[in-house]
N, C-alpha and C. Protein backbone atom coordinates (compact mmCIF):
# COMPACT_ATOMS: atom_id res chain seq x y z
N MET A 1 33.54 24.76 -8.38
CA MET A 1 32.74 24.70 -7.18
C MET A 1 32.04 23.34 -7.14
N ALA A 2 32.03 22.72 -5.98
CA ALA A 2 31.41 21.41 -5.81
C ALA A 2 29.89 21.53 -5.86
N GLU A 3 29.29 20.55 -6.51
CA GLU A 3 27.83 20.53 -6.61
C GLU A 3 27.25 19.99 -5.30
N ASN A 4 26.23 20.65 -4.80
CA ASN A 4 25.59 20.22 -3.56
C ASN A 4 24.54 19.16 -3.89
N LYS A 5 24.85 17.93 -3.54
CA LYS A 5 23.93 16.83 -3.81
C LYS A 5 23.22 16.44 -2.52
N VAL A 6 21.93 16.36 -2.61
CA VAL A 6 21.14 15.93 -1.47
C VAL A 6 20.75 14.47 -1.72
N SER A 7 21.21 13.59 -0.85
CA SER A 7 20.85 12.19 -1.04
C SER A 7 19.47 11.95 -0.42
N LYS A 8 18.66 11.22 -1.14
CA LYS A 8 17.33 10.91 -0.66
C LYS A 8 17.33 9.46 -0.18
N ARG A 9 16.87 9.28 1.03
CA ARG A 9 16.83 7.95 1.61
C ARG A 9 15.72 7.13 0.95
N LYS A 10 15.99 5.86 0.77
CA LYS A 10 14.99 4.96 0.18
C LYS A 10 14.59 3.92 1.21
N TRP A 11 13.37 3.44 1.04
CA TRP A 11 12.78 2.48 1.97
C TRP A 11 12.33 1.24 1.21
N ALA A 12 12.38 0.10 1.86
CA ALA A 12 11.93 -1.16 1.27
C ALA A 12 10.56 -1.52 1.80
N GLY A 13 9.72 -2.07 0.94
CA GLY A 13 8.42 -2.54 1.38
C GLY A 13 8.57 -3.80 2.22
N ASN A 14 7.63 -3.99 3.14
CA ASN A 14 7.64 -5.15 4.02
C ASN A 14 6.28 -5.85 3.91
N VAL A 15 6.22 -6.88 3.08
CA VAL A 15 4.97 -7.60 2.86
C VAL A 15 4.70 -8.50 4.07
N PRO A 16 3.50 -8.39 4.67
CA PRO A 16 3.20 -9.22 5.83
C PRO A 16 3.13 -10.70 5.44
N ASP A 17 3.52 -11.55 6.37
CA ASP A 17 3.54 -12.99 6.12
C ASP A 17 2.87 -13.70 7.29
N GLY A 18 1.88 -14.51 6.99
CA GLY A 18 1.20 -15.26 8.04
C GLY A 18 0.22 -14.41 8.82
N ASP A 19 -0.22 -14.90 9.96
CA ASP A 19 -1.14 -14.20 10.86
C ASP A 19 -2.42 -13.72 10.16
N GLY A 20 -2.92 -14.52 9.21
CA GLY A 20 -4.18 -14.18 8.54
C GLY A 20 -4.04 -13.30 7.32
N TRP A 21 -2.82 -12.88 6.97
CA TRP A 21 -2.62 -12.03 5.80
C TRP A 21 -2.55 -12.86 4.53
N ASN A 22 -3.15 -12.35 3.46
CA ASN A 22 -3.08 -12.96 2.13
C ASN A 22 -2.73 -11.89 1.12
N ILE A 23 -2.06 -12.29 0.06
CA ILE A 23 -1.77 -11.33 -1.02
C ILE A 23 -2.97 -11.28 -1.94
N ALA A 24 -3.56 -10.09 -2.03
CA ALA A 24 -4.73 -9.88 -2.90
C ALA A 24 -4.30 -9.74 -4.35
N GLY A 25 -3.10 -9.19 -4.55
CA GLY A 25 -2.60 -9.00 -5.91
C GLY A 25 -1.45 -8.03 -5.93
N ILE A 26 -0.97 -7.76 -7.13
CA ILE A 26 0.17 -6.86 -7.34
C ILE A 26 -0.22 -5.87 -8.42
N THR A 27 0.05 -4.59 -8.16
CA THR A 27 -0.28 -3.55 -9.14
C THR A 27 0.73 -3.57 -10.28
N GLU A 28 0.37 -2.88 -11.35
CA GLU A 28 1.33 -2.59 -12.40
C GLU A 28 2.38 -1.66 -11.79
N GLU A 29 3.48 -1.48 -12.47
CA GLU A 29 4.55 -0.64 -11.94
C GLU A 29 4.10 0.80 -11.77
N ARG A 30 4.33 1.33 -10.59
CA ARG A 30 4.05 2.73 -10.27
C ARG A 30 5.20 3.25 -9.43
N TYR A 31 5.73 4.38 -9.78
CA TYR A 31 6.82 5.00 -9.04
C TYR A 31 8.06 4.10 -9.00
N GLY A 32 8.29 3.40 -10.10
CA GLY A 32 9.51 2.60 -10.24
C GLY A 32 9.44 1.19 -9.70
N VAL A 33 8.34 0.81 -9.06
CA VAL A 33 8.19 -0.55 -8.52
C VAL A 33 6.75 -1.01 -8.67
N LYS A 34 6.55 -2.30 -8.51
CA LYS A 34 5.20 -2.82 -8.39
C LYS A 34 4.85 -2.79 -6.91
N TRP A 35 3.56 -2.77 -6.60
CA TRP A 35 3.09 -2.67 -5.21
C TRP A 35 2.28 -3.91 -4.87
N VAL A 36 2.62 -4.54 -3.75
CA VAL A 36 1.93 -5.74 -3.29
C VAL A 36 0.78 -5.31 -2.38
N VAL A 37 -0.41 -5.77 -2.69
CA VAL A 37 -1.60 -5.44 -1.90
C VAL A 37 -1.95 -6.67 -1.06
N SER A 38 -1.83 -6.53 0.26
CA SER A 38 -2.14 -7.61 1.19
C SER A 38 -3.43 -7.30 1.92
N ILE A 39 -4.18 -8.35 2.25
CA ILE A 39 -5.46 -8.18 2.91
C ILE A 39 -5.55 -9.19 4.06
N LYS A 40 -6.14 -8.75 5.15
CA LYS A 40 -6.29 -9.61 6.32
C LYS A 40 -7.77 -9.79 6.62
N ASP A 41 -8.14 -11.00 6.99
CA ASP A 41 -9.53 -11.28 7.32
C ASP A 41 -10.02 -10.36 8.43
N ALA A 42 -11.31 -10.08 8.43
CA ALA A 42 -11.91 -9.23 9.46
C ALA A 42 -11.72 -9.87 10.83
N ALA A 43 -11.50 -9.02 11.82
CA ALA A 43 -11.28 -9.51 13.18
C ALA A 43 -12.55 -10.07 13.80
N TYR A 44 -13.70 -9.58 13.36
CA TYR A 44 -14.98 -10.01 13.90
C TYR A 44 -15.85 -10.58 12.80
N GLN A 45 -16.67 -11.53 13.13
CA GLN A 45 -17.49 -12.24 12.15
C GLN A 45 -18.43 -11.31 11.37
N ASN A 46 -19.03 -10.36 12.02
CA ASN A 46 -20.00 -9.48 11.37
C ASN A 46 -19.40 -8.16 10.89
N CYS A 47 -18.10 -8.07 10.81
CA CYS A 47 -17.43 -6.83 10.40
C CYS A 47 -17.06 -6.91 8.92
N SER A 48 -17.43 -5.89 8.17
CA SER A 48 -17.11 -5.88 6.74
C SER A 48 -15.74 -5.26 6.44
N TRP A 49 -15.16 -4.56 7.40
CA TRP A 49 -13.86 -3.92 7.19
C TRP A 49 -12.73 -4.94 7.31
N ARG A 50 -11.81 -4.87 6.35
CA ARG A 50 -10.64 -5.75 6.37
C ARG A 50 -9.38 -4.89 6.31
N ASN A 51 -8.38 -5.28 7.06
CA ASN A 51 -7.11 -4.56 7.06
C ASN A 51 -6.41 -4.73 5.71
N ILE A 52 -5.83 -3.64 5.24
CA ILE A 52 -5.11 -3.62 3.97
C ILE A 52 -3.71 -3.08 4.22
N LYS A 53 -2.73 -3.69 3.57
CA LYS A 53 -1.38 -3.15 3.59
C LYS A 53 -0.87 -3.13 2.15
N VAL A 54 -0.35 -2.00 1.75
CA VAL A 54 0.22 -1.81 0.41
C VAL A 54 1.72 -1.63 0.60
N SER A 55 2.50 -2.53 0.00
CA SER A 55 3.95 -2.55 0.21
C SER A 55 4.69 -2.47 -1.12
N ALA A 56 5.71 -1.63 -1.16
CA ALA A 56 6.54 -1.53 -2.36
C ALA A 56 7.30 -2.84 -2.54
N ASN A 57 7.37 -3.31 -3.78
CA ASN A 57 8.15 -4.50 -4.09
C ASN A 57 9.53 -4.04 -4.58
N GLY A 58 10.23 -3.34 -3.70
CA GLY A 58 11.52 -2.76 -4.02
C GLY A 58 11.76 -1.53 -3.16
N MET A 59 12.74 -0.75 -3.53
CA MET A 59 13.13 0.44 -2.77
C MET A 59 12.48 1.69 -3.38
N VAL A 60 11.89 2.53 -2.51
CA VAL A 60 11.27 3.77 -2.95
C VAL A 60 11.56 4.89 -1.95
N GLU A 61 11.45 6.11 -2.43
CA GLU A 61 11.58 7.27 -1.56
C GLU A 61 10.27 7.51 -0.81
N ILE A 62 10.32 8.28 0.22
CA ILE A 62 9.20 8.76 1.02
C ILE A 62 8.67 7.68 1.96
N LYS A 63 7.93 6.72 1.46
CA LYS A 63 7.29 5.71 2.30
C LYS A 63 7.04 4.48 1.45
N ALA A 64 7.33 3.28 2.00
CA ALA A 64 7.21 2.04 1.23
C ALA A 64 6.05 1.16 1.67
N ASN A 65 5.40 1.49 2.78
CA ASN A 65 4.30 0.70 3.30
C ASN A 65 3.16 1.62 3.73
N TYR A 66 1.96 1.25 3.35
CA TYR A 66 0.77 2.02 3.72
C TYR A 66 -0.26 1.06 4.29
N ARG A 67 -0.90 1.44 5.40
CA ARG A 67 -1.95 0.63 6.02
C ARG A 67 -3.26 1.41 6.06
N THR A 68 -4.33 0.69 5.79
CA THR A 68 -5.67 1.25 5.90
C THR A 68 -6.65 0.09 6.04
N ALA A 69 -7.91 0.33 5.82
CA ALA A 69 -8.92 -0.73 5.84
C ALA A 69 -9.82 -0.55 4.63
N TRP A 70 -10.52 -1.62 4.26
CA TRP A 70 -11.35 -1.65 3.05
C TRP A 70 -12.64 -2.37 3.40
N ASP A 71 -13.78 -1.81 3.00
CA ASP A 71 -15.06 -2.46 3.30
C ASP A 71 -15.71 -3.08 2.06
N GLY A 72 -14.94 -3.22 1.01
CA GLY A 72 -15.47 -3.77 -0.24
C GLY A 72 -15.88 -2.71 -1.23
N GLU A 73 -15.98 -1.46 -0.76
CA GLU A 73 -16.36 -0.35 -1.63
C GLU A 73 -15.43 0.86 -1.49
N ARG A 74 -14.92 1.06 -0.29
CA ARG A 74 -14.10 2.26 -0.06
C ARG A 74 -13.07 2.00 1.02
N PHE A 75 -12.08 2.89 1.06
CA PHE A 75 -11.05 2.81 2.08
C PHE A 75 -11.48 3.59 3.32
N ALA A 76 -11.04 3.12 4.46
CA ALA A 76 -11.26 3.86 5.69
C ALA A 76 -10.32 5.07 5.70
N SER A 77 -10.77 6.14 6.27
CA SER A 77 -9.93 7.32 6.39
C SER A 77 -8.81 7.00 7.37
N SER A 78 -7.58 7.22 6.94
CA SER A 78 -6.43 6.94 7.80
C SER A 78 -5.29 7.87 7.44
N ARG A 79 -4.35 8.00 8.35
CA ARG A 79 -3.17 8.84 8.13
C ARG A 79 -2.41 8.33 6.90
N ASP A 80 -2.20 7.01 6.83
CA ASP A 80 -1.46 6.45 5.70
C ASP A 80 -2.17 6.68 4.37
N LEU A 81 -3.49 6.60 4.36
CA LEU A 81 -4.23 6.85 3.12
C LEU A 81 -4.03 8.30 2.68
N PHE A 82 -4.04 9.22 3.62
CA PHE A 82 -3.80 10.63 3.30
C PHE A 82 -2.40 10.81 2.70
N ILE A 83 -1.40 10.17 3.30
CA ILE A 83 -0.01 10.28 2.80
C ILE A 83 0.09 9.66 1.41
N LEU A 84 -0.56 8.51 1.21
CA LEU A 84 -0.55 7.86 -0.10
C LEU A 84 -1.14 8.78 -1.16
N ARG A 85 -2.29 9.38 -0.85
CA ARG A 85 -2.95 10.28 -1.81
C ARG A 85 -2.08 11.49 -2.14
N GLU A 86 -1.39 12.01 -1.15
CA GLU A 86 -0.55 13.20 -1.34
C GLU A 86 0.70 12.89 -2.16
N ASN A 87 1.32 11.74 -1.90
CA ASN A 87 2.64 11.46 -2.47
C ASN A 87 2.66 10.48 -3.63
N ARG A 88 1.59 9.73 -3.82
CA ARG A 88 1.56 8.73 -4.88
C ARG A 88 0.23 8.76 -5.64
N PRO A 89 -0.04 9.88 -6.32
CA PRO A 89 -1.29 9.96 -7.09
C PRO A 89 -1.39 8.79 -8.07
N GLY A 90 -2.56 8.20 -8.14
CA GLY A 90 -2.78 7.09 -9.05
C GLY A 90 -2.63 5.73 -8.39
N LEU A 91 -1.89 5.66 -7.30
CA LEU A 91 -1.69 4.36 -6.65
C LEU A 91 -2.97 3.87 -5.98
N GLU A 92 -3.74 4.78 -5.42
CA GLU A 92 -5.00 4.39 -4.78
C GLU A 92 -5.93 3.68 -5.77
N SER A 93 -6.04 4.21 -6.97
CA SER A 93 -6.94 3.57 -7.96
C SER A 93 -6.38 2.23 -8.39
N ALA A 94 -5.06 2.10 -8.48
CA ALA A 94 -4.46 0.82 -8.84
C ALA A 94 -4.72 -0.23 -7.75
N VAL A 95 -4.65 0.19 -6.49
CA VAL A 95 -4.94 -0.71 -5.37
C VAL A 95 -6.42 -1.09 -5.37
N THR A 96 -7.29 -0.13 -5.64
CA THR A 96 -8.72 -0.41 -5.72
C THR A 96 -9.01 -1.43 -6.80
N ASP A 97 -8.36 -1.31 -7.95
CA ASP A 97 -8.53 -2.29 -9.03
C ASP A 97 -8.14 -3.70 -8.58
N VAL A 98 -7.02 -3.80 -7.86
CA VAL A 98 -6.58 -5.12 -7.35
C VAL A 98 -7.62 -5.67 -6.38
N LEU A 99 -8.12 -4.85 -5.48
CA LEU A 99 -9.08 -5.32 -4.48
C LEU A 99 -10.41 -5.70 -5.11
N ASN A 100 -10.83 -4.98 -6.15
CA ASN A 100 -12.08 -5.33 -6.83
C ASN A 100 -12.01 -6.66 -7.55
N ILE A 101 -10.83 -7.04 -8.00
CA ILE A 101 -10.63 -8.34 -8.64
C ILE A 101 -10.57 -9.45 -7.60
N TYR A 102 -9.98 -9.15 -6.45
CA TYR A 102 -9.83 -10.12 -5.37
C TYR A 102 -11.18 -10.53 -4.83
């Protein structure tokens, strides 16, 4: 009898380039790849929130890019942050470590 194999689709991370984005750092390997943490300057002069994008540096299952915001102490509540917490335990703390060094 043939074995029923379910293929899982993989996704590549897309690190932003230009338009005010900078690489804050790269995490240690998690879930088979390292993760690039990008940060964008605040849109307004008196705003402490900065856009954050976390991108897989390779191919991963589920989701390879996550977007949220960071105020220097915590992440903004977002759909992507919820998905990250559900599917990649430990990655949030690794990203926080990168941002605290940046």
